[in-house]
Amino acid sequence: MSTTPEPGVVPEHLRIRYQGDPVMMTVDGEHFRVRARAGEPGAYDFDWLSGPDGYGFGVGTSGGSAMGLTEMEEAIRDFLAQVDPATGYIED
């Protein structure tokens, strides 16, 4: 086995772990997968499935409280408000 690092391959011990099933949401016509990070209460990753490949964002709640669907939808809308409709990316 080679000890040379491979670009794009994250070692197993550094991979992000998730708990429970992902929540699939459509907000304003855009599709997202929301996953709760295991061992990190209140930490969520939002994958923008209908946006640019690999694009998304993370959110952490204060005090590690769980997010409800309404809070998830609000976080997605806040994110989408930052995206330039012409480019599909967050404006500089």
PDB file of N, CA and C in Angstrom:
ATOM      1  N   MET A   1       0.839  -1.180   0.000  1.00  0.00           N
ATOM      2  CA  MET A   1       0.000   0.000   0.000  1.00  0.00           C
ATOM      3  C   MET A   1       0.886   1.246   0.000  1.00  0.00           C
ATOM      4  N   SER A   2       0.551   2.186  -0.834  1.00  0.00           N
ATOM      5  CA  SER A   2       1.321   3.414  -0.956  1.00  0.00           C
ATOM      6  C   SER A   2       1.002   4.360   0.202  1.00  0.00           C
ATOM      7  N   THR A   3       2.019   5.090   0.632  1.00  0.00           N
ATOM      8  CA  THR A   3       1.807   6.095   1.679  1.00  0.00           C
ATOM      9  C   THR A   3       1.678   7.488   1.069  1.00  0.00           C
ATOM     10  N   THR A   4       1.691   7.561  -0.264  1.00  0.00           N
ATOM     11  CA  THR A   4       1.545   8.836  -0.955  1.00  0.00           C
ATOM     12  C   THR A   4       0.088   9.273  -0.898  1.00  0.00           C
ATOM     13  N   PRO A   5      -0.176  10.493  -0.442  1.00  0.00           N
ATOM     14  CA  PRO A   5      -1.568  10.973  -0.374  1.00  0.00           C
ATOM     15  C   PRO A   5      -2.204  11.037  -1.764  1.00  0.00           C
ATOM     16  N   GLU A   6      -3.484  10.722  -1.829  1.00  0.00           N
ATOM     17  CA  GLU A   6      -4.246  10.824  -3.073  1.00  0.00           C
ATOM     18  C   GLU A   6      -5.121  12.061  -3.002  1.00  0.00           C
ATOM     19  N   PRO A   7      -5.015  12.954  -3.990  1.00  0.00           N
ATOM     20  CA  PRO A   7      -5.869  14.150  -3.982  1.00  0.00           C
ATOM     21  C   PRO A   7      -7.350  13.768  -3.966  1.00  0.00           C
ATOM     22  N   GLY A   8      -8.107  14.458  -3.138  1.00  0.00           N
ATOM     23  CA  GLY A   8      -9.560  14.237  -3.086  1.00  0.00           C
ATOM     24  C   GLY A   8      -9.997  13.099  -2.195  1.00  0.00           C
ATOM     25  N   VAL A   9      -9.060  12.332  -1.647  1.00  0.00           N
ATOM     26  CA  VAL A   9      -9.425  11.213  -0.784  1.00  0.00           C
ATOM     27  C   VAL A   9      -9.150  11.616   0.657  1.00  0.00           C
ATOM     28  N   VAL A  10     -10.217  11.615   1.464  1.00  0.00           N
ATOM     29  CA  VAL A  10     -10.101  11.996   2.869  1.00  0.00           C
ATOM     30  C   VAL A  10      -9.884  10.727   3.689  1.00  0.00           C
ATOM     31  N   PRO A  11      -8.858  10.712   4.536  1.00  0.00           N
ATOM     32  CA  PRO A  11      -8.649   9.533   5.379  1.00  0.00           C
ATOM     33  C   PRO A  11      -9.899   9.237   6.224  1.00  0.00           C
ATOM     34  N   GLU A  12     -10.140   7.980   6.444  1.00  0.00           N
ATOM     35  CA  GLU A  12     -11.342   7.528   7.170  1.00  0.00           C
ATOM     36  C   GLU A  12     -11.522   8.256   8.499  1.00  0.00           C
ATOM     37  N   HIS A  13     -10.468   8.444   9.256  1.00  0.00           N
ATOM     38  CA  HIS A  13     -10.596   9.056  10.583  1.00  0.00           C
ATOM     39  C   HIS A  13     -10.911  10.551  10.516  1.00  0.00           C
ATOM     40  N   LEU A  14     -10.792  11.173   9.337  1.00  0.00           N
ATOM     41  CA  LEU A  14     -11.107  12.596   9.190  1.00  0.00           C
ATOM     42  C   LEU A  14     -12.445  12.854   8.499  1.00  0.00           C
ATOM     43  N   ARG A  15     -13.107  11.801   8.060  1.00  0.00           N
ATOM     44  CA  ARG A  15     -14.386  11.971   7.360  1.00  0.00           C
ATOM     45  C   ARG A  15     -15.478  12.432   8.307  1.00  0.00           C
ATOM     46  N   ILE A  16     -16.340  13.299   7.790  1.00  0.00           N
ATOM     47  CA  ILE A  16     -17.486  13.774   8.576  1.00  0.00           C
ATOM     48  C   ILE A  16     -18.491  12.638   8.694  1.00  0.00           C
ATOM     49  N   ARG A  17     -18.996  12.445   9.872  1.00  0.00           N
ATOM     50  CA  ARG A  17     -20.008  11.413  10.141  1.00  0.00           C
ATOM     51  C   ARG A  17     -21.357  12.104  10.360  1.00  0.00           C
ATOM     52  N   TYR A  18     -22.411  11.429   9.940  1.00  0.00           N
ATOM     53  CA  TYR A  18     -23.757  11.976  10.090  1.00  0.00           C
ATOM     54  C   TYR A  18     -24.615  11.010  10.881  1.00  0.00           C
ATOM     55  N   GLN A  19     -25.617  11.571  11.545  1.00  0.00           N
ATOM     56  CA  GLN A  19     -26.540  10.743  12.324  1.00  0.00           C
ATOM     57  C   GLN A  19     -27.935  10.828  11.725  1.00  0.00           C
ATOM     58  N   GLY A  20     -28.643   9.741  11.809  1.00  0.00           N
ATOM     59  CA  GLY A  20     -30.022   9.706  11.320  1.00  0.00           C
ATOM     60  C   GLY A  20     -30.102   9.819   9.806  1.00  0.00           C
ATOM     61  N   ASP A  21     -31.319   9.844   9.324  1.00  0.00           N
ATOM     62  CA  ASP A  21     -31.571   9.971   7.891  1.00  0.00           C
ATOM     63  C   ASP A  21     -31.512  11.438   7.484  1.00  0.00           C
ATOM     64  N   PRO A  22     -31.047  11.700   6.253  1.00  0.00           N
ATOM     65  CA  PRO A  22     -31.057  13.086   5.788  1.00  0.00           C
ATOM     66  C   PRO A  22     -32.476  13.579   5.571  1.00  0.00           C
ATOM     67  N   VAL A  23     -32.661  14.885   5.643  1.00  0.00           N
ATOM     68  CA  VAL A  23     -33.944  15.519   5.344  1.00  0.00           C
ATOM     69  C   VAL A  23     -33.824  16.107   3.941  1.00  0.00           C
ATOM     70  N   MET A  24     -34.728  15.722   3.053  1.00  0.00           N
ATOM     71  CA  MET A  24     -34.750  16.248   1.691  1.00  0.00           C
ATOM     72  C   MET A  24     -35.777  17.373   1.659  1.00  0.00           C
ATOM     73  N   MET A  25     -35.341  18.556   1.156  1.00  0.00           N
ATOM     74  CA  MET A  25     -36.221  19.726   1.140  1.00  0.00           C
ATOM     75  C   MET A  25     -36.156  20.418  -0.212  1.00  0.00           C
ATOM     76  N   THR A  26     -37.293  20.963  -0.626  1.00  0.00           N
ATOM     77  CA  THR A  26     -37.341  21.830  -1.794  1.00  0.00           C
ATOM     78  C   THR A  26     -37.835  23.183  -1.305  1.00  0.00           C
ATOM     79  N   VAL A  27     -37.007  24.207  -1.532  1.00  0.00           N
ATOM     80  CA  VAL A  27     -37.325  25.569  -1.095  1.00  0.00           C
ATOM     81  C   VAL A  27     -37.151  26.478  -2.299  1.00  0.00           C
ATOM     82  N   ASP A  28     -38.214  27.194  -2.638  1.00  0.00           N
ATOM     83  CA  ASP A  28     -38.189  28.111  -3.785  1.00  0.00           C
ATOM     84  C   ASP A  28     -37.673  27.431  -5.047  1.00  0.00           C
ATOM     85  N   GLY A  29     -38.062  26.167  -5.239  1.00  0.00           N
ATOM     86  CA  GLY A  29     -37.692  25.417  -6.437  1.00  0.00           C
ATOM     87  C   GLY A  29     -36.305  24.811  -6.411  1.00  0.00           C
ATOM     88  N   GLU A  30     -35.562  25.016  -5.329  1.00  0.00           N
ATOM     89  CA  GLU A  30     -34.206  24.468  -5.211  1.00  0.00           C
ATOM     90  C   GLU A  30     -34.226  23.280  -4.244  1.00  0.00           C
ATOM     91  N   HIS A  31     -33.430  22.256  -4.562  1.00  0.00           N
ATOM     92  CA  HIS A  31     -33.432  21.014  -3.793  1.00  0.00           C
ATOM     93  C   HIS A  31     -32.198  20.923  -2.900  1.00  0.00           C
ATOM     94  N   PHE A  32     -32.433  20.542  -1.640  1.00  0.00           N
ATOM     95  CA  PHE A  32     -31.375  20.433  -0.647  1.00  0.00           C
ATOM     96  C   PHE A  32     -31.493  19.125   0.122  1.00  0.00           C
ATOM     97  N   ARG A  33     -30.337  18.626   0.550  1.00  0.00           N
ATOM     98  CA  ARG A  33     -30.263  17.505   1.496  1.00  0.00           C
ATOM     99  C   ARG A  33     -29.662  18.089   2.768  1.00  0.00           C
ATOM    100  N   VAL A  34     -30.328  17.877   3.905  1.00  0.00           N
ATOM    101  CA  VAL A  34     -29.863  18.400   5.187  1.00  0.00           C
ATOM    102  C   VAL A  34     -29.479  17.211   6.061  1.00  0.00           C
ATOM    103  N   ARG A  35     -28.237  17.255   6.588  1.00  0.00           N
ATOM    104  CA  ARG A  35     -27.759  16.160   7.433  1.00  0.00           C
ATOM    105  C   ARG A  35     -27.209  16.721   8.742  1.00  0.00           C
ATOM    106  N   ALA A  36     -27.536  16.024   9.823  1.00  0.00           N
ATOM    107  CA  ALA A  36     -27.042  16.393  11.156  1.00  0.00           C
ATOM    108  C   ALA A  36     -25.710  15.687  11.387  1.00  0.00           C
ATOM    109  N   ARG A  37     -24.714  16.447  11.842  1.00  0.00           N
ATOM    110  CA  ARG A  37     -23.399  15.867  12.108  1.00  0.00           C
ATOM    111  C   ARG A  37     -23.431  15.052  13.394  1.00  0.00           C
ATOM    112  N   ALA A  38     -22.882  13.858  13.321  1.00  0.00           N
ATOM    113  CA  ALA A  38     -22.799  12.989  14.499  1.00  0.00           C
ATOM    114  C   ALA A  38     -21.782  13.559  15.481  1.00  0.00           C
ATOM    115  N   GLY A  39     -22.126  13.556  16.745  1.00  0.00           N
ATOM    116  CA  GLY A  39     -21.213  14.012  17.779  1.00  0.00           C
ATOM    117  C   GLY A  39     -21.043  15.518  17.846  1.00  0.00           C
ATOM    118  N   GLU A  40     -21.824  16.258  17.050  1.00  0.00           N
ATOM    119  CA  GLU A  40     -21.760  17.720  17.054  1.00  0.00           C
ATOM    120  C   GLU A  40     -23.186  18.267  17.167  1.00  0.00           C
ATOM    121  N   PRO A  41     -23.756  18.248  18.365  1.00  0.00           N
ATOM    122  CA  PRO A  41     -25.140  18.698  18.524  1.00  0.00           C
ATOM    123  C   PRO A  41     -25.380  20.086  17.927  1.00  0.00           C
ATOM    124  N   GLY A  42     -26.437  20.208  17.138  1.00  0.00           N
ATOM    125  CA  GLY A  42     -26.807  21.488  16.539  1.00  0.00           C
ATOM    126  C   GLY A  42     -26.044  21.841  15.281  1.00  0.00           C
ATOM    127  N   ALA A  43     -25.184  20.935  14.771  1.00  0.00           N
ATOM    128  CA  ALA A  43     -24.414  21.195  13.548  1.00  0.00           C
ATOM    129  C   ALA A  43     -25.044  20.458  12.370  1.00  0.00           C
ATOM    130  N   TYR A  44     -25.304  21.200  11.291  1.00  0.00           N
ATOM    131  CA  TYR A  44     -25.974  20.648  10.111  1.00  0.00           C
ATOM    132  C   TYR A  44     -25.225  21.039   8.850  1.00  0.00           C
ATOM    133  N   ASP A  45     -25.221  20.129   7.875  1.00  0.00           N
ATOM    134  CA  ASP A  45     -24.691  20.414   6.546  1.00  0.00           C
ATOM    135  C   ASP A  45     -25.847  20.397   5.558  1.00  0.00           C
ATOM    136  N   PHE A  46     -25.895  21.435   4.716  1.00  0.00           N
ATOM    137  CA  PHE A  46     -26.929  21.596   3.695  1.00  0.00           C
ATOM    138  C   PHE A  46     -26.263  21.429   2.332  1.00  0.00           C
ATOM    139  N   ASP A  47     -26.604  20.380   1.611  1.00  0.00           N
ATOM    140  CA  ASP A  47     -26.071  20.147   0.274  1.00  0.00           C
ATOM    141  C   ASP A  47     -27.083  20.655  -0.748  1.00  0.00           C
ATOM    142  N   TRP A  48     -26.649  21.572  -1.619  1.00  0.00           N
ATOM    143  CA  TRP A  48     -27.516  22.160  -2.640  1.00  0.00           C
ATOM    144  C   TRP A  48     -27.505  21.228  -3.845  1.00  0.00           C
ATOM    145  N   LEU A  49     -28.481  20.356  -3.933  1.00  0.00           N
ATOM    146  CA  LEU A  49     -28.517  19.313  -4.949  1.00  0.00           C
ATOM    147  C   LEU A  49     -28.819  19.838  -6.342  1.00  0.00           C
ATOM    148  N   SER A  50     -29.556  20.937  -6.442  1.00  0.00           N
ATOM    149  CA  SER A  50     -29.910  21.489  -7.757  1.00  0.00           C
ATOM    150  C   SER A  50     -29.003  22.659  -8.140  1.00  0.00           C
ATOM    151  N   GLY A  51     -28.022  22.961  -7.313  1.00  0.00           N
ATOM    152  CA  GLY A  51     -27.094  24.059  -7.582  1.00  0.00           C
ATOM    153  C   GLY A  51     -25.787  23.547  -8.150  1.00  0.00           C
ATOM    154  N   PRO A  52     -24.765  24.403  -8.162  1.00  0.00           N
ATOM    155  CA  PRO A  52     -23.453  23.991  -8.660  1.00  0.00           C
ATOM    156  C   PRO A  52     -22.937  22.770  -7.894  1.00  0.00           C
ATOM    157  N   ASP A  53     -22.275  21.872  -8.600  1.00  0.00           N
ATOM    158  CA  ASP A  53     -21.768  20.630  -8.023  1.00  0.00           C
ATOM    159  C   ASP A  53     -20.909  20.895  -6.786  1.00  0.00           C
ATOM    160  N   GLY A  54     -21.271  20.227  -5.692  1.00  0.00           N
ATOM    161  CA  GLY A  54     -20.503  20.349  -4.467  1.00  0.00           C
ATOM    162  C   GLY A  54     -20.766  21.597  -3.653  1.00  0.00           C
ATOM    163  N   TYR A  55     -21.762  22.370  -4.027  1.00  0.00           N
ATOM    164  CA  TYR A  55     -22.043  23.627  -3.339  1.00  0.00           C
ATOM    165  C   TYR A  55     -23.019  23.385  -2.198  1.00  0.00           C
ATOM    166  N   GLY A  56     -22.842  24.093  -1.109  1.00  0.00           N
ATOM    167  CA  GLY A  56     -23.723  23.984   0.033  1.00  0.00           C
ATOM    168  C   GLY A  56     -23.196  24.849   1.157  1.00  0.00           C
ATOM    169  N   PHE A  57     -23.692  24.583   2.362  1.00  0.00           N
ATOM    170  CA  PHE A  57     -23.276  25.380   3.518  1.00  0.00           C
ATOM    171  C   PHE A  57     -23.542  24.608   4.796  1.00  0.00           C
ATOM    172  N   GLY A  58     -22.961  25.076   5.877  1.00  0.00           N
ATOM    173  CA  GLY A  58     -23.167  24.474   7.178  1.00  0.00           C
ATOM    174  C   GLY A  58     -23.743  25.488   8.140  1.00  0.00           C
ATOM    175  N   VAL A  59     -24.475  24.985   9.123  1.00  0.00           N
ATOM    176  CA  VAL A  59     -25.097  25.833  10.133  1.00  0.00           C
ATOM    177  C   VAL A  59     -24.903  25.170  11.494  1.00  0.00           C
ATOM    178  N   GLY A  60     -24.605  25.991  12.474  1.00  0.00           N
ATOM    179  CA  GLY A  60     -24.551  25.527  13.853  1.00  0.00           C
ATOM    180  C   GLY A  60     -25.525  26.337  14.690  1.00  0.00           C
ATOM    181  N   THR A  61     -26.324  25.672  15.488  1.00  0.00           N
ATOM    182  CA  THR A  61     -27.298  26.372  16.319  1.00  0.00           C
ATOM    183  C   THR A  61     -26.672  26.750  17.657  1.00  0.00           C
ATOM    184  N   SER A  62     -27.204  27.772  18.263  1.00  0.00           N
ATOM    185  CA  SER A  62     -26.674  28.178  19.565  1.00  0.00           C
ATOM    186  C   SER A  62     -27.113  27.162  20.613  1.00  0.00           C
ATOM    187  N   GLY A  63     -26.184  26.789  21.436  1.00  0.00           N
ATOM    188  CA  GLY A  63     -26.491  25.834  22.502  1.00  0.00           C
ATOM    189  C   GLY A  63     -26.655  24.405  22.032  1.00  0.00           C
ATOM    190  N   GLY A  64     -26.417  24.134  20.742  1.00  0.00           N
ATOM    191  CA  GLY A  64     -26.526  22.775  20.217  1.00  0.00           C
ATOM    192  C   GLY A  64     -27.941  22.258  20.092  1.00  0.00           C
ATOM    193  N   SER A  65     -28.923  23.186  20.024  1.00  0.00           N
ATOM    194  CA  SER A  65     -30.317  22.742  19.913  1.00  0.00           C
ATOM    195  C   SER A  65     -30.605  22.214  18.510  1.00  0.00           C
ATOM    196  N   ALA A  66     -31.554  21.310  18.423  1.00  0.00           N
ATOM    197  CA  ALA A  66     -31.947  20.727  17.145  1.00  0.00           C
ATOM    198  C   ALA A  66     -32.711  21.745  16.310  1.00  0.00           C
ATOM    199  N   MET A  67     -32.548  21.659  14.995  1.00  0.00           N
ATOM    200  CA  MET A  67     -33.288  22.538  14.075  1.00  0.00           C
ATOM    201  C   MET A  67     -34.573  21.836  13.635  1.00  0.00           C
ATOM    202  N   GLY A  68     -35.647  22.601  13.587  1.00  0.00           N
ATOM    203  CA  GLY A  68     -36.890  22.105  13.034  1.00  0.00           C
ATOM    204  C   GLY A  68     -36.950  22.434  11.547  1.00  0.00           C
ATOM    205  N   LEU A  69     -37.957  21.936  10.863  1.00  0.00           N
ATOM    206  CA  LEU A  69     -38.094  22.182   9.423  1.00  0.00           C
ATOM    207  C   LEU A  69     -38.214  23.666   9.096  1.00  0.00           C
ATOM    208  N   THR A  70     -38.907  24.417   9.934  1.00  0.00           N
ATOM    209  CA  THR A  70     -39.057  25.854   9.699  1.00  0.00           C
ATOM    210  C   THR A  70     -37.702  26.552   9.760  1.00  0.00           C
ATOM    211  N   GLU A  71     -36.880  26.187  10.738  1.00  0.00           N
ATOM    212  CA  GLU A  71     -35.548  26.790  10.857  1.00  0.00           C
ATOM    213  C   GLU A  71     -34.656  26.378   9.681  1.00  0.00           C
ATOM    214  N   MET A  72     -34.779  25.135   9.240  1.00  0.00           N
ATOM    215  CA  MET A  72     -34.008  24.677   8.085  1.00  0.00           C
ATOM    216  C   MET A  72     -34.395  25.458   6.829  1.00  0.00           C
ATOM    217  N   GLU A  73     -35.691  25.642   6.637  1.00  0.00           N
ATOM    218  CA  GLU A  73     -36.176  26.399   5.474  1.00  0.00           C
ATOM    219  C   GLU A  73     -35.673  27.845   5.524  1.00  0.00           C
ATOM    220  N   GLU A  74     -35.693  28.435   6.688  1.00  0.00           N
ATOM    221  CA  GLU A  74     -35.203  29.812   6.849  1.00  0.00           C
ATOM    222  C   GLU A  74     -33.706  29.898   6.534  1.00  0.00           C
ATOM    223  N   ALA A  75     -32.921  28.912   6.992  1.00  0.00           N
ATOM    224  CA  ALA A  75     -31.481  28.891   6.712  1.00  0.00           C
ATOM    225  C   ALA A  75     -31.232  28.772   5.205  1.00  0.00           C
ATOM    226  N   ILE A  76     -32.028  27.957   4.532  1.00  0.00           N
ATOM    227  CA  ILE A  76     -31.895  27.802   3.075  1.00  0.00           C
ATOM    228  C   ILE A  76     -32.235  29.107   2.371  1.00  0.00           C
ATOM    229  N   ARG A  77     -33.317  29.752   2.773  1.00  0.00           N
ATOM    230  CA  ARG A  77     -33.692  31.032   2.145  1.00  0.00           C
ATOM    231  C   ARG A  77     -32.620  32.100   2.376  1.00  0.00           C
ATOM    232  N   ASP A  78     -32.054  32.133   3.562  1.00  0.00           N
ATOM    233  CA  ASP A  78     -30.965  33.078   3.846  1.00  0.00           C
ATOM    234  C   ASP A  78     -29.779  32.802   2.924  1.00  0.00           C
ATOM    235  N   PHE A  79     -29.457  31.541   2.741  1.00  0.00           N
ATOM    236  CA  PHE A  79     -28.365  31.157   1.850  1.00  0.00           C
ATOM    237  C   PHE A  79     -28.664  31.566   0.404  1.00  0.00           C
ATOM    238  N   LEU A  80     -29.861  31.221  -0.071  1.00  0.00           N
ATOM    239  CA  LEU A  80     -30.227  31.533  -1.460  1.00  0.00           C
ATOM    240  C   LEU A  80     -30.245  33.038  -1.724  1.00  0.00           C
ATOM    241  N   ALA A  81     -30.549  33.829  -0.710  1.00  0.00           N
ATOM    242  CA  ALA A  81     -30.572  35.288  -0.871  1.00  0.00           C
ATOM    243  C   ALA A  81     -29.175  35.840  -1.170  1.00  0.00           C
ATOM    244  N   GLN A  82     -28.130  35.088  -0.819  1.00  0.00           N
ATOM    245  CA  GLN A  82     -26.759  35.516  -1.058  1.00  0.00           C
ATOM    246  C   GLN A  82     -26.242  35.118  -2.445  1.00  0.00           C
ATOM    247  N   VAL A  83     -26.972  34.219  -3.123  1.00  0.00           N
ATOM    248  CA  VAL A  83     -26.513  33.676  -4.397  1.00  0.00           C
ATOM    249  C   VAL A  83     -26.866  34.619  -5.540  1.00  0.00           C
ATOM    250  N   ASP A  84     -25.883  34.894  -6.380  1.00  0.00           N
ATOM    251  CA  ASP A  84     -26.084  35.720  -7.570  1.00  0.00           C
ATOM    252  C   ASP A  84     -26.847  34.879  -8.600  1.00  0.00           C
ATOM    253  N   PRO A  85     -28.053  35.297  -8.990  1.00  0.00           N
ATOM    254  CA  PRO A  85     -28.842  34.503  -9.934  1.00  0.00           C
ATOM    255  C   PRO A  85     -28.160  34.335 -11.294  1.00  0.00           C
ATOM    256  N   ALA A  86     -27.312  35.275 -11.671  1.00  0.00           N
ATOM    257  CA  ALA A  86     -26.633  35.191 -12.965  1.00  0.00           C
ATOM    258  C   ALA A  86     -25.540  34.131 -12.976  1.00  0.00           C
ATOM    259  N   THR A  87     -24.845  33.956 -11.841  1.00  0.00           N
ATOM    260  CA  THR A  87     -23.725  33.010 -11.808  1.00  0.00           C
ATOM    261  C   THR A  87     -24.042  31.725 -11.057  1.00  0.00           C
ATOM    262  N   GLY A  88     -25.007  31.777 -10.143  1.00  0.00           N
ATOM    263  CA  GLY A  88     -25.312  30.620  -9.316  1.00  0.00           C
ATOM    264  C   GLY A  88     -24.380  30.462  -8.124  1.00  0.00           C
ATOM    265  N   TYR A  89     -23.521  31.448  -7.912  1.00  0.00           N
ATOM    266  CA  TYR A  89     -22.578  31.411  -6.802  1.00  0.00           C
ATOM    267  C   TYR A  89     -22.797  32.606  -5.888  1.00  0.00           C
ATOM    268  N   ILE A  90     -22.260  32.522  -4.666  1.00  0.00           N
ATOM    269  CA  ILE A  90     -22.359  33.639  -3.735  1.00  0.00           C
ATOM    270  C   ILE A  90     -21.515  34.785  -4.260  1.00  0.00           C
ATOM    271  N   GLU A  91     -22.114  35.982  -4.227  1.00  0.00           N
ATOM    272  CA  GLU A  91     -21.419  37.168  -4.698  1.00  0.00           C
ATOM    273  C   GLU A  91     -20.250  37.500  -3.795  1.00  0.00           C
ATOM    274  N   ASP A  92     -19.215  38.115  -4.363  1.00  0.00           N
ATOM    275  CA  ASP A  92     -18.057  38.535  -3.562  1.00  0.00           C
ATOM    276  C   ASP A  92     -18.338  39.818  -2.832  1.00  0.00           C
TER     277      ASP A  92
END
